[in-house]
Amino acid sequence: MAFDADPISLDPHEQLSEGTLQFSHLVFDPLLRWTKDGQFEARLATHWERIDDQTMRFYLRENVTFRTGHPFSADDVIYTIQRLKKSPDFRAMFDTVETVTKVNDFAIDVHTVHPNPLLLNIMAYVFPLDRLFYAGKDQIIKYGDSFASHNVSGTGPFILESRELGSKMVLNRNPNYWDAASKGNVDHIIMTPIRADSTRLAALLSDDVDFISPVSPIDIKRAKLSDDIQLVTIPSTSILLLHMNQQRREEFRDVRVREAINLAINQTLIVEKILKNYATPAGQLSHPRFLGHQEALIPKYDLDKAKQLMKQAGYEKGFRVSMMAPNNRYINDEIVAQAIAAMLAKINITVDLKTLPKAQYFKEFSLKSADIMTLGWQSDTMDSNNIFEFVIACIDEKTGMGAYNASQYCQPEIDQRIKQANREMIPEKRQRLLQEIETILYREAAIVPLYWQSIIWAAKNDVHVGDIINDQNNPYLGDLFIETR
């Protein structure tokens, strides 16, 4: 397998990212997971039931062991959730969990602070850790050198054999894996990071690898020329956006400037010319599948109006800003960033653009090191509010709210609606709250929504990769079936 970058860490709680979740599904197992049709499938939890408005009971799978041979039990799940509540990246999601109590060795009760309509969605991010393996050396250090960032013990379909950062990761099938019903027949995986899109595709075409992700839209025509290669394309709910840091730049505190930037960026042109229509232009954060989506909130490209707003704000002659973007994280991310810089030049905003590999970029993102920063976000709960509480909410290090808010935008009325939506059990009322948030963001041009990108994989024809990928781009490699060669 060839990917665009290594997982940043082996610690499943260090960073809430697509790469971390993909790795977690390799070596750990979640309590439950999403199916291709958007339903929940039991994994380490065999079933669940609601006890009362604020309590849900999860029944756990028996006769499961970790890589170390330690038996899996309720104690491991309780330990994991307690650790998640301490994680800088995950604690905002798990803040709703008040306590977890042990019913017996294979059942737990999850008690929430208030009724929560998304509790099952949240519990899909519980990948139970080997309590005996990690205890006493489980400190979470973002981009740090911790025990958990280099060592791993899970119950998953594969066991990590070796890792050479930037070179390869080798995994072997877990001989004691509990899921004997899985169709997966892969015993050995070598994952190789190949940053350049064309080089990654060349590795597939020359039989050096069996499948790759992502595939650049520019390379799709080349891939289709081979009779031995299949392309798998899935529309996703993952959105790309731009943050404009209002603390770093006084100009960005003026709504006219923020709206001018939104109007100067032509999302439709980027999607057509750079992404070859393997994405959907976005005028809001909520995907059409989410409750917060509003049909009327569309991309609003208008260069003449953008120039007028800059003049009204007193910036007709423009100004210079710094911008950072990754160059191996999202499809054609560096080219997209260059195009955005060129578009902003048309309203006299000179962009000093710096692009970085994924690992280095997100360190800078955490530090909010540039005036404008790129972010992609896949809603972890498949709900608008997950985006709002991580990307839009006022930054609160204690709760984890606003953990990815590089705009440093803060609107208390939005935070209040976020909190209400997290406890509103009536879908119609939740929808109204979430749509009100989108309306405020659109009116205030708080961020720049760019597009929902498609998921594109390429594989040899005998690799049934299409069967194991969902629209969150989580490949369940334990279930991967390859025909006999």
Protein backbone atom coordinates (compact mmCIF):
# COMPACT_ATOMS: atom_id res chain seq x y z
CA MET A 1 0.00 0.00 0.00
CA ALA A 2 1.16 3.54 -0.70
CA PHE A 3 -0.24 6.58 1.07
CA ASP A 4 0.68 10.23 0.93
CA ALA A 5 2.04 10.36 4.48
CA ASP A 6 2.77 8.37 7.64
CA PRO A 7 0.46 8.45 10.65
CA ILE A 8 1.89 11.21 12.83
CA SER A 9 1.85 9.01 15.94
CA LEU A 10 0.92 5.51 17.12
CA ASP A 11 -1.07 7.04 19.98
CA PRO A 12 -4.76 6.88 18.97
CA HIS A 13 -5.59 9.83 21.26
CA GLU A 14 -2.81 12.25 20.29
CA GLN A 15 -4.44 13.75 17.22
CA LEU A 16 -8.02 13.63 15.98
CA SER A 17 -7.24 13.11 12.30
CA GLU A 18 -8.07 10.86 9.38
CA GLY A 19 -4.61 9.27 9.47
CA THR A 20 -4.95 8.46 13.18
CA LEU A 21 -8.38 6.90 12.68
CA GLN A 22 -7.21 4.84 9.71
CA PHE A 23 -4.32 3.50 11.78
CA SER A 24 -6.65 2.85 14.72
CA HIS A 25 -8.86 0.61 12.58
CA LEU A 26 -5.75 -1.40 11.66
CA VAL A 27 -4.40 -2.25 15.11
CA PHE A 28 -7.31 -1.51 17.44
CA ASP A 29 -11.03 -2.22 17.30
CA PRO A 30 -13.77 0.31 18.08
CA LEU A 31 -16.79 -0.48 20.20
CA LEU A 32 -18.88 0.06 17.05
CA ARG A 33 -18.19 1.38 13.58
CA TRP A 34 -19.92 2.98 10.61
CA THR A 35 -21.02 0.79 7.69
CA LYS A 36 -21.00 1.89 4.07
CA ASP A 37 -24.72 2.72 4.26
CA GLY A 38 -24.35 4.98 7.29
CA GLN A 39 -25.49 2.51 9.96
CA PHE A 40 -23.69 1.23 13.06
CA GLU A 41 -22.07 -2.20 13.21
CA ALA A 42 -21.19 -3.92 16.49
CA ARG A 43 -17.49 -4.61 17.10
CA LEU A 44 -16.07 -4.87 20.63
CA ALA A 45 -19.54 -3.94 21.87
CA THR A 46 -21.94 -6.71 20.80
CA HIS A 47 -25.08 -4.68 21.48
CA TRP A 48 -26.36 -1.75 23.55
CA GLU A 49 -29.53 -0.44 25.14
CA ARG A 50 -30.73 2.80 26.65
CA ILE A 51 -31.35 2.53 30.40
CA ASP A 52 -32.68 6.06 30.88
CA ASP A 53 -32.39 9.51 29.24
CA GLN A 54 -28.80 9.88 30.40
CA THR A 55 -27.55 6.28 30.57
CA MET A 56 -26.71 3.75 27.88
CA ARG A 57 -25.46 0.24 28.59
CA PHE A 58 -22.92 -1.43 26.32
CA TYR A 59 -22.44 -5.19 26.35
CA LEU A 60 -18.89 -6.20 25.48
CA ARG A 61 -17.45 -9.03 23.45
CA GLU A 62 -15.94 -11.89 25.45
CA ASN A 63 -12.84 -13.98 24.69
CA VAL A 64 -10.94 -11.10 23.07
CA THR A 65 -7.25 -10.52 23.79
CA PHE A 66 -4.81 -7.68 23.17
CA ARG A 67 -1.54 -8.13 21.32
CA THR A 68 0.17 -8.70 24.65
CA GLY A 69 -2.18 -11.55 25.53
CA HIS A 70 -3.94 -9.49 28.19
CA PRO A 71 -7.68 -10.26 28.19
CA PHE A 72 -10.07 -7.51 27.09
CA SER A 73 -12.69 -6.44 29.62
CA ALA A 74 -14.83 -3.57 30.86
CA ASP A 75 -11.86 -2.17 32.79
CA ASP A 76 -10.06 -1.45 29.49
CA VAL A 77 -13.05 0.45 28.09
CA ILE A 78 -13.45 2.54 31.23
CA TYR A 79 -9.71 3.31 31.21
CA THR A 80 -9.86 4.32 27.53
CA ILE A 81 -12.81 6.68 27.93
CA GLN A 82 -11.14 8.32 30.94
CA ARG A 83 -8.03 8.87 28.80
CA LEU A 84 -10.11 10.27 25.93
CA LYS A 85 -11.60 12.82 28.32
CA LYS A 86 -8.04 14.06 28.99
CA SER A 87 -6.96 14.22 25.34
CA PRO A 88 -6.59 17.79 24.01
CA ASP A 89 -8.11 16.71 20.68
CA PHE A 90 -10.85 14.34 21.85
CA ARG A 91 -12.04 15.80 25.14
CA ALA A 92 -14.53 18.22 23.58
CA MET A 93 -16.30 15.25 22.00
CA PHE A 94 -16.24 13.22 25.23
CA ASP A 95 -17.11 16.13 27.50
CA THR A 96 -20.70 14.91 27.39
CA VAL A 97 -19.69 11.70 29.22
CA GLU A 98 -19.95 12.30 32.95
CA THR A 99 -18.97 8.86 34.26
CA VAL A 100 -18.60 5.27 33.13
CA THR A 101 -19.51 2.53 35.59
CA LYS A 102 -18.78 -1.18 35.47
CA VAL A 103 -21.84 -3.44 35.50
CA ASN A 104 -19.72 -6.59 35.25
CA ASP A 105 -16.59 -7.68 33.40
CA PHE A 106 -18.41 -7.41 30.07
CA ALA A 107 -20.90 -4.59 30.48
CA ILE A 108 -20.57 -0.88 31.19
CA ASP A 109 -22.98 1.98 31.72
CA VAL A 110 -22.13 5.31 30.10
CA HIS A 111 -23.71 8.22 31.98
CA THR A 112 -23.97 11.56 30.20
CA VAL A 113 -24.15 15.05 31.66
CA HIS A 114 -27.43 15.56 29.82
CA PRO A 115 -29.44 13.64 27.20
CA ASN A 116 -27.25 13.43 24.10
CA PRO A 117 -28.66 12.59 20.65
CA LEU A 118 -25.21 11.62 19.32
CA LEU A 119 -23.89 9.29 22.01
CA LEU A 120 -23.60 6.29 19.67
CA ASN A 121 -21.78 8.46 17.12
CA ILE A 122 -19.29 9.46 19.82
CA MET A 123 -18.77 5.91 21.08
CA ALA A 124 -17.63 4.88 17.59
CA TYR A 125 -14.38 6.69 18.53
CA VAL A 126 -13.66 4.47 21.52
CA PHE A 127 -10.87 2.11 20.47
CA PRO A 128 -10.18 0.25 23.74
CA LEU A 129 -6.57 0.37 24.90
CA ASP A 130 -4.68 -2.38 26.73
CA ARG A 131 -4.92 -0.93 30.24
CA LEU A 132 -2.17 -3.10 31.67
CA PHE A 133 0.18 -2.21 28.80
CA TYR A 134 -0.28 1.57 28.91
CA ALA A 135 -1.00 2.29 32.58
CA GLY A 136 1.60 4.49 34.26
CA LYS A 137 3.17 5.53 30.95
CA ASP A 138 0.20 6.87 29.05
CA GLN A 139 0.88 10.60 28.97
CA ILE A 140 -0.56 12.28 25.84
CA ILE A 141 2.01 14.62 24.28
CA LYS A 142 1.06 16.22 20.96
CA TYR A 143 3.97 15.80 18.55
CA GLY A 144 6.02 14.61 21.51
CA ASP A 145 8.18 11.64 22.33
CA SER A 146 5.96 9.53 24.58
CA PHE A 147 5.62 5.80 25.24
CA ALA A 148 2.20 5.70 23.54
CA SER A 149 3.47 7.52 20.44
CA HIS A 150 5.97 4.70 19.80
CA ASN A 151 4.34 1.57 21.27
CA VAL A 152 0.99 -0.03 20.65
CA SER A 153 -1.16 -2.89 21.95
CA GLY A 154 -4.63 -3.35 20.55
CA THR A 155 -7.17 -6.05 19.73
CA GLY A 156 -7.27 -5.22 16.01
CA PRO A 157 -6.85 -7.36 12.88
CA PHE A 158 -3.16 -6.47 12.51
CA ILE A 159 -0.12 -6.26 14.77
CA LEU A 160 2.56 -3.67 14.12
CA GLU A 161 5.85 -5.42 13.41
CA SER A 162 8.05 -2.43 12.59
CA ARG A 163 7.94 1.25 11.73
CA GLU A 164 10.57 3.29 9.93
CA LEU A 165 9.23 6.82 9.94
CA GLY A 166 9.13 8.23 6.42
CA SER A 167 10.03 4.86 4.90
CA LYS A 168 7.61 2.06 5.72
CA MET A 169 5.33 0.45 8.27
CA VAL A 170 5.02 -3.34 8.41
CA LEU A 171 2.00 -5.10 9.90
CA ASN A 172 1.16 -8.80 10.26
CA ARG A 173 -2.22 -10.46 10.69
CA ASN A 174 -3.22 -10.94 14.30
CA PRO A 175 -3.30 -14.76 14.69
CA ASN A 176 -5.67 -14.42 17.66
CA TYR A 177 -8.09 -11.99 16.03
CA TRP A 178 -11.62 -12.53 17.32
CA ASP A 179 -13.48 -11.88 14.04
CA ALA A 180 -13.33 -15.32 12.41
CA ALA A 181 -16.29 -14.39 10.19
CA SER A 182 -14.35 -11.65 8.36
CA LYS A 183 -13.73 -12.22 4.65
CA GLY A 184 -10.31 -10.60 5.00
CA ASN A 185 -7.47 -12.77 3.72
CA VAL A 186 -4.51 -10.39 3.91
CA ASP A 187 -1.74 -11.67 6.19
CA HIS A 188 0.94 -9.04 5.65
CA ILE A 189 0.82 -5.31 4.90
CA ILE A 190 3.66 -2.98 3.99
CA MET A 191 2.56 0.66 4.07
CA THR A 192 4.84 3.05 2.22
CA PRO A 193 4.53 6.85 2.34
CA ILE A 194 4.98 8.38 -1.12
CA ARG A 195 4.37 12.11 -1.08
CA ALA A 196 4.30 12.85 -4.83
CA ASP A 197 0.99 11.94 -6.51
CA SER A 198 2.57 10.91 -9.81
CA THR A 199 5.21 8.78 -8.10
CA ARG A 200 2.56 7.06 -6.01
CA LEU A 201 0.57 6.17 -9.13
CA ALA A 202 3.76 5.03 -10.90
CA ALA A 203 4.38 2.60 -8.04
CA LEU A 204 0.94 1.08 -8.65
CA LEU A 205 1.34 0.92 -12.42
CA SER A 206 4.72 -0.80 -12.06
CA ASP A 207 3.36 -3.42 -9.61
CA ASP A 208 5.44 -2.13 -6.70
CA VAL A 209 2.24 -1.72 -4.64
CA ASP A 210 -1.26 -3.19 -4.76
CA PHE A 211 -3.25 -0.05 -4.04
CA ILE A 212 -2.82 3.65 -3.30
CA SER A 213 -4.55 6.62 -1.75
CA PRO A 214 -5.18 9.35 -2.60
CA VAL A 215 -5.18 9.64 -6.37
CA SER A 216 -4.80 13.12 -7.80
CA PRO A 217 -7.59 14.07 -10.22
CA ILE A 218 -4.84 15.09 -12.63
CA ASP A 219 -3.61 11.47 -12.69
CA ILE A 220 -6.99 9.81 -13.17
CA LYS A 221 -6.78 9.79 -16.97
CA ARG A 222 -3.37 8.10 -16.74
CA ALA A 223 -4.73 5.49 -14.31
CA LYS A 224 -7.66 4.69 -16.59
CA LEU A 225 -5.29 3.77 -19.42
CA SER A 226 -4.33 0.59 -17.56
CA ASP A 227 -6.62 -2.42 -17.86
CA ASP A 228 -5.16 -3.79 -14.60
CA ILE A 229 -6.19 -0.82 -12.46
CA GLN A 230 -9.56 0.02 -10.90
CA LEU A 231 -10.53 3.43 -9.56
CA VAL A 232 -12.81 3.73 -6.56
CA THR A 233 -14.42 7.15 -6.07
CA ILE A 234 -16.72 7.98 -3.16
CA PRO A 235 -18.33 11.37 -2.44
CA SER A 236 -17.43 12.39 1.10
CA THR A 237 -18.58 14.85 3.73
CA SER A 238 -15.01 16.03 4.37
CA ILE A 239 -14.75 19.80 3.90
CA LEU A 240 -11.74 21.99 3.10
CA LEU A 241 -11.77 25.51 4.56
CA LEU A 242 -9.59 28.53 5.26
CA HIS A 243 -9.09 30.12 8.66
CA MET A 244 -8.46 33.89 8.83
CA ASN A 245 -6.76 34.64 12.15
CA GLN A 246 -8.51 37.60 13.74
CA GLN A 247 -6.04 37.83 16.62
CA ARG A 248 -3.00 38.02 14.36
CA ARG A 249 -4.51 40.46 11.86
CA GLU A 250 -6.61 43.50 12.65
CA GLU A 251 -7.87 43.56 9.04
CA PHE A 252 -9.62 40.21 9.57
CA ARG A 253 -11.70 41.66 12.40
CA ASP A 254 -13.55 43.70 9.78
CA VAL A 255 -16.42 41.65 8.36
CA ARG A 256 -16.08 43.52 5.05
CA VAL A 257 -12.54 42.20 4.61
CA ARG A 258 -13.56 38.66 5.51
CA GLU A 259 -16.47 38.81 3.08
CA ALA A 260 -14.21 40.26 0.37
CA ILE A 261 -11.87 37.28 0.78
CA ASN A 262 -14.84 34.91 0.51
CA LEU A 263 -16.04 36.70 -2.62
CA ALA A 264 -12.59 36.72 -4.24
CA ILE A 265 -12.10 32.96 -3.99
CA ASN A 266 -13.78 31.06 -6.81
CA GLN A 267 -14.57 27.63 -5.37
CA THR A 268 -16.28 26.45 -8.54
CA LEU A 269 -13.22 27.24 -10.66
CA ILE A 270 -10.93 25.41 -8.23
CA VAL A 271 -13.16 22.34 -8.34
CA GLU A 272 -13.43 22.36 -12.14
CA LYS A 273 -9.86 23.20 -13.12
CA ILE A 274 -7.70 21.77 -10.32
CA LEU A 275 -9.84 18.97 -8.89
CA LYS A 276 -11.40 17.99 -12.24
CA ASN A 277 -14.84 17.95 -10.58
CA TYR A 278 -13.80 15.35 -7.99
CA ALA A 279 -15.20 17.66 -5.31
CA THR A 280 -18.27 19.82 -4.67
CA PRO A 281 -18.00 23.61 -4.13
CA ALA A 282 -19.10 24.59 -0.62
CA GLY A 283 -20.71 27.78 0.66
CA GLN A 284 -21.13 26.48 4.22
CA LEU A 285 -19.64 23.93 6.61
CA SER A 286 -22.64 21.58 6.75
CA HIS A 287 -22.73 18.91 4.06
CA PRO A 288 -26.17 18.29 2.47
CA ARG A 289 -26.30 15.06 4.51
CA PHE A 290 -26.11 17.01 7.81
CA LEU A 291 -28.98 18.64 9.72
CA GLY A 292 -27.38 22.09 9.63
CA HIS A 293 -27.27 22.31 5.82
CA GLN A 294 -29.20 25.10 4.11
CA GLU A 295 -29.75 25.01 0.37
CA ALA A 296 -29.66 28.81 0.11
CA LEU A 297 -26.11 29.14 1.45
CA ILE A 298 -24.05 28.74 -1.71
CA PRO A 299 -20.56 29.92 -2.73
CA LYS A 300 -20.73 33.65 -3.43
CA TYR A 301 -17.88 34.46 -5.84
CA ASP A 302 -18.11 38.10 -6.97
CA LEU A 303 -14.79 39.81 -7.68
CA ASP A 304 -16.26 43.28 -8.32
CA LYS A 305 -18.14 43.27 -5.02
CA ALA A 306 -15.00 42.02 -3.26
CA LYS A 307 -13.04 45.03 -4.56
CA GLN A 308 -15.82 47.37 -3.44
CA LEU A 309 -15.79 45.93 0.07
CA MET A 310 -12.01 46.25 0.32
CA LYS A 311 -12.33 49.91 -0.67
CA GLN A 312 -15.14 50.51 1.85
CA ALA A 313 -13.01 48.96 4.57
CA GLY A 314 -10.10 51.26 3.71
CA TYR A 315 -7.92 48.57 2.17
CA GLU A 316 -8.24 49.37 -1.53
CA LYS A 317 -4.44 49.18 -1.84
CA GLY A 318 -4.47 45.88 -0.02
CA PHE A 319 -2.02 44.39 2.45
CA ARG A 320 0.38 41.44 2.81
CA VAL A 321 -0.48 38.24 4.72
CA SER A 322 1.19 34.95 5.53
CA MET A 323 -0.49 31.70 4.58
CA MET A 324 0.34 28.07 5.33
CA ALA A 325 -1.00 24.91 3.75
CA PRO A 326 0.02 21.24 3.67
CA ASN A 327 1.51 19.79 0.51
CA ASN A 328 0.70 16.09 1.03
CA ARG A 329 -2.48 15.95 3.09
CA TYR A 330 -5.40 16.85 0.82
CA ILE A 331 -5.91 16.27 -2.90
CA ASN A 332 -3.74 18.73 -4.84
CA ASP A 333 -3.50 20.82 -1.68
CA GLU A 334 -0.39 22.77 -2.72
CA ILE A 335 -1.83 23.66 -6.13
CA VAL A 336 -5.11 24.74 -4.53
CA ALA A 337 -3.22 26.98 -2.09
CA GLN A 338 -1.29 28.57 -4.96
CA ALA A 339 -4.55 29.23 -6.81
CA ILE A 340 -6.08 30.88 -3.72
CA ALA A 341 -3.01 33.13 -3.38
CA ALA A 342 -3.44 34.19 -7.01
CA MET A 343 -7.14 34.92 -6.48
CA LEU A 344 -6.47 37.07 -3.42
CA ALA A 345 -3.89 39.04 -5.39
CA LYS A 346 -6.79 40.33 -7.51
CA ILE A 347 -8.06 42.28 -4.51
CA ASN A 348 -4.52 43.42 -3.66
CA ILE A 349 -3.90 40.96 -0.85
CA THR A 350 -0.35 39.72 -1.33
CA VAL A 351 0.05 36.20 0.05
CA ASP A 352 3.36 34.88 1.35
CA LEU A 353 2.59 31.19 0.94
CA LYS A 354 4.47 28.41 2.69
CA THR A 355 3.55 24.76 2.17
CA LEU A 356 4.77 21.95 4.39
CA PRO A 357 4.50 18.16 4.68
CA LYS A 358 1.59 16.97 6.78
CA ALA A 359 3.55 16.23 9.99
CA GLN A 360 5.28 19.61 10.07
CA TYR A 361 2.19 21.49 8.91
CA PHE A 362 -0.07 20.44 11.76
CA LYS A 363 2.53 21.42 14.34
CA GLU A 364 2.42 24.91 12.81
CA PHE A 365 -1.37 24.77 12.67
CA SER A 366 -1.51 24.07 16.40
CA LEU A 367 0.70 27.11 16.96
CA LYS A 368 -1.48 29.22 14.61
CA SER A 369 1.73 30.25 12.85
CA ALA A 370 0.20 32.03 9.84
CA ASP A 371 -2.50 34.61 9.15
CA ILE A 372 -4.39 32.22 6.86
CA MET A 373 -4.33 28.45 7.37
CA THR A 374 -5.90 25.53 5.53
CA LEU A 375 -7.90 22.84 7.32
CA GLY A 376 -9.81 19.79 6.19
CA TRP A 377 -12.48 18.43 8.52
CA GLN A 378 -14.40 15.18 8.45
CA SER A 379 -17.22 15.37 10.99
CA ASP A 380 -16.45 12.57 13.42
CA THR A 381 -20.09 12.21 14.41
CA MET A 382 -21.46 12.75 10.87
CA ASP A 383 -23.20 15.83 12.23
CA SER A 384 -22.82 19.60 11.81
CA ASN A 385 -22.21 20.20 15.49
CA ASN A 386 -18.94 18.28 15.52
CA ILE A 387 -17.53 20.77 13.01
CA PHE A 388 -18.88 23.72 14.95
CA GLU A 389 -17.53 22.67 18.34
CA PHE A 390 -14.02 21.93 17.07
CA VAL A 391 -13.56 24.50 14.28
CA ILE A 392 -15.84 27.44 15.19
CA ALA A 393 -16.43 27.49 18.95
CA CYS A 394 -14.53 29.91 21.20
CA ILE A 395 -11.22 28.32 22.19
CA ASP A 396 -11.39 26.69 25.63
CA GLU A 397 -8.37 24.58 26.52
CA LYS A 398 -10.14 23.14 29.55
CA THR A 399 -13.04 21.64 27.57
CA GLY A 400 -11.28 21.21 24.22
CA MET A 401 -13.87 23.39 22.46
CA GLY A 402 -12.41 25.28 19.51
CA ALA A 403 -9.35 23.00 19.41
CA TYR A 404 -9.00 23.58 15.65
CA ASN A 405 -10.21 27.18 15.57
CA ALA A 406 -7.20 28.82 13.93
CA SER A 407 -9.33 31.89 13.16
CA GLN A 408 -9.53 32.57 16.90
CA TYR A 409 -13.08 33.65 16.04
CA CYS A 410 -15.34 33.75 19.10
CA GLN A 411 -19.09 34.27 19.09
CA PRO A 412 -20.82 33.43 22.41
CA GLU A 413 -24.24 33.16 20.75
CA ILE A 414 -22.87 30.37 18.55
CA ASP A 415 -21.38 28.58 21.57
CA GLN A 416 -24.75 28.72 23.28
CA ARG A 417 -26.46 27.12 20.27
CA ILE A 418 -23.74 24.45 20.08
CA LYS A 419 -24.42 23.51 23.71
CA GLN A 420 -28.18 23.46 23.13
CA ALA A 421 -27.85 21.27 20.04
CA ASN A 422 -25.70 18.79 21.97
CA ARG A 423 -28.59 18.04 24.30
CA GLU A 424 -31.64 18.58 22.07
CA MET A 425 -33.28 15.19 21.38
CA ILE A 426 -35.98 16.49 19.00
CA PRO A 427 -34.52 16.48 15.45
CA GLU A 428 -36.57 19.46 14.22
CA LYS A 429 -35.34 21.66 17.07
CA ARG A 430 -31.74 20.49 16.58
CA GLN A 431 -31.99 21.31 12.90
CA ARG A 432 -33.17 24.83 13.63
CA LEU A 433 -30.28 25.45 16.05
CA LEU A 434 -27.67 24.11 13.63
CA GLN A 435 -29.07 26.07 10.68
CA GLU A 436 -29.03 29.24 12.79
CA ILE A 437 -25.30 28.69 13.35
CA GLU A 438 -24.69 28.30 9.62
CA THR A 439 -26.65 31.50 8.97
CA ILE A 440 -24.50 33.47 11.43
CA LEU A 441 -21.27 32.08 9.94
CA TYR A 442 -22.41 32.92 6.43
CA ARG A 443 -23.46 36.44 7.40
CA GLU A 444 -20.22 37.12 9.26
CA ALA A 445 -17.96 35.38 6.70
CA ALA A 446 -16.23 33.83 9.70
CA ILE A 447 -14.27 31.31 7.63
CA VAL A 448 -13.92 30.46 3.93
CA PRO A 449 -15.64 27.16 3.03
CA LEU A 450 -13.93 25.73 -0.06
CA TYR A 451 -15.27 22.31 -1.11
CA TRP A 452 -16.23 18.81 -0.06
CA GLN A 453 -13.54 16.61 -1.58
CA SER A 454 -14.14 13.16 -3.05
CA ILE A 455 -12.33 10.05 -1.85
CA ILE A 456 -10.29 8.49 -4.67
CA TRP A 457 -8.44 5.17 -4.41
CA ALA A 458 -6.76 3.09 -7.08
CA ALA A 459 -5.99 -0.60 -6.86
CA LYS A 460 -5.18 -3.70 -8.82
CA ASN A 461 -8.32 -5.33 -10.17
CA ASP A 462 -8.04 -8.31 -7.84
CA VAL A 463 -7.96 -6.12 -4.71
CA HIS A 464 -11.54 -5.65 -3.45
CA VAL A 465 -10.82 -2.26 -1.94
CA GLY A 466 -14.24 -0.85 -2.84
CA ASP A 467 -15.87 -3.21 -0.33
CA ILE A 468 -14.00 -1.86 2.69
CA ILE A 469 -14.11 1.95 2.32
CA ASN A 470 -16.85 4.20 3.71
CA ASP A 471 -17.52 7.87 3.06
CA GLN A 472 -15.38 8.82 6.06
CA ASN A 473 -12.40 7.31 4.23
CA ASN A 474 -11.83 4.63 6.84
CA PRO A 475 -10.62 1.48 5.06
CA TYR A 476 -11.42 -1.60 7.16
CA LEU A 477 -8.29 -3.46 6.08
CA GLY A 478 -9.02 -6.39 8.32
CA ASP A 479 -11.86 -7.23 5.92
CA LEU A 480 -9.85 -6.71 2.72
CA PHE A 481 -10.13 -9.63 0.30
CA ILE A 482 -7.62 -10.20 -2.50
CA GLU A 483 -8.26 -12.83 -5.14
CA THR A 484 -5.75 -15.65 -5.43
CA ARG A 485 -3.02 -14.72 -7.89
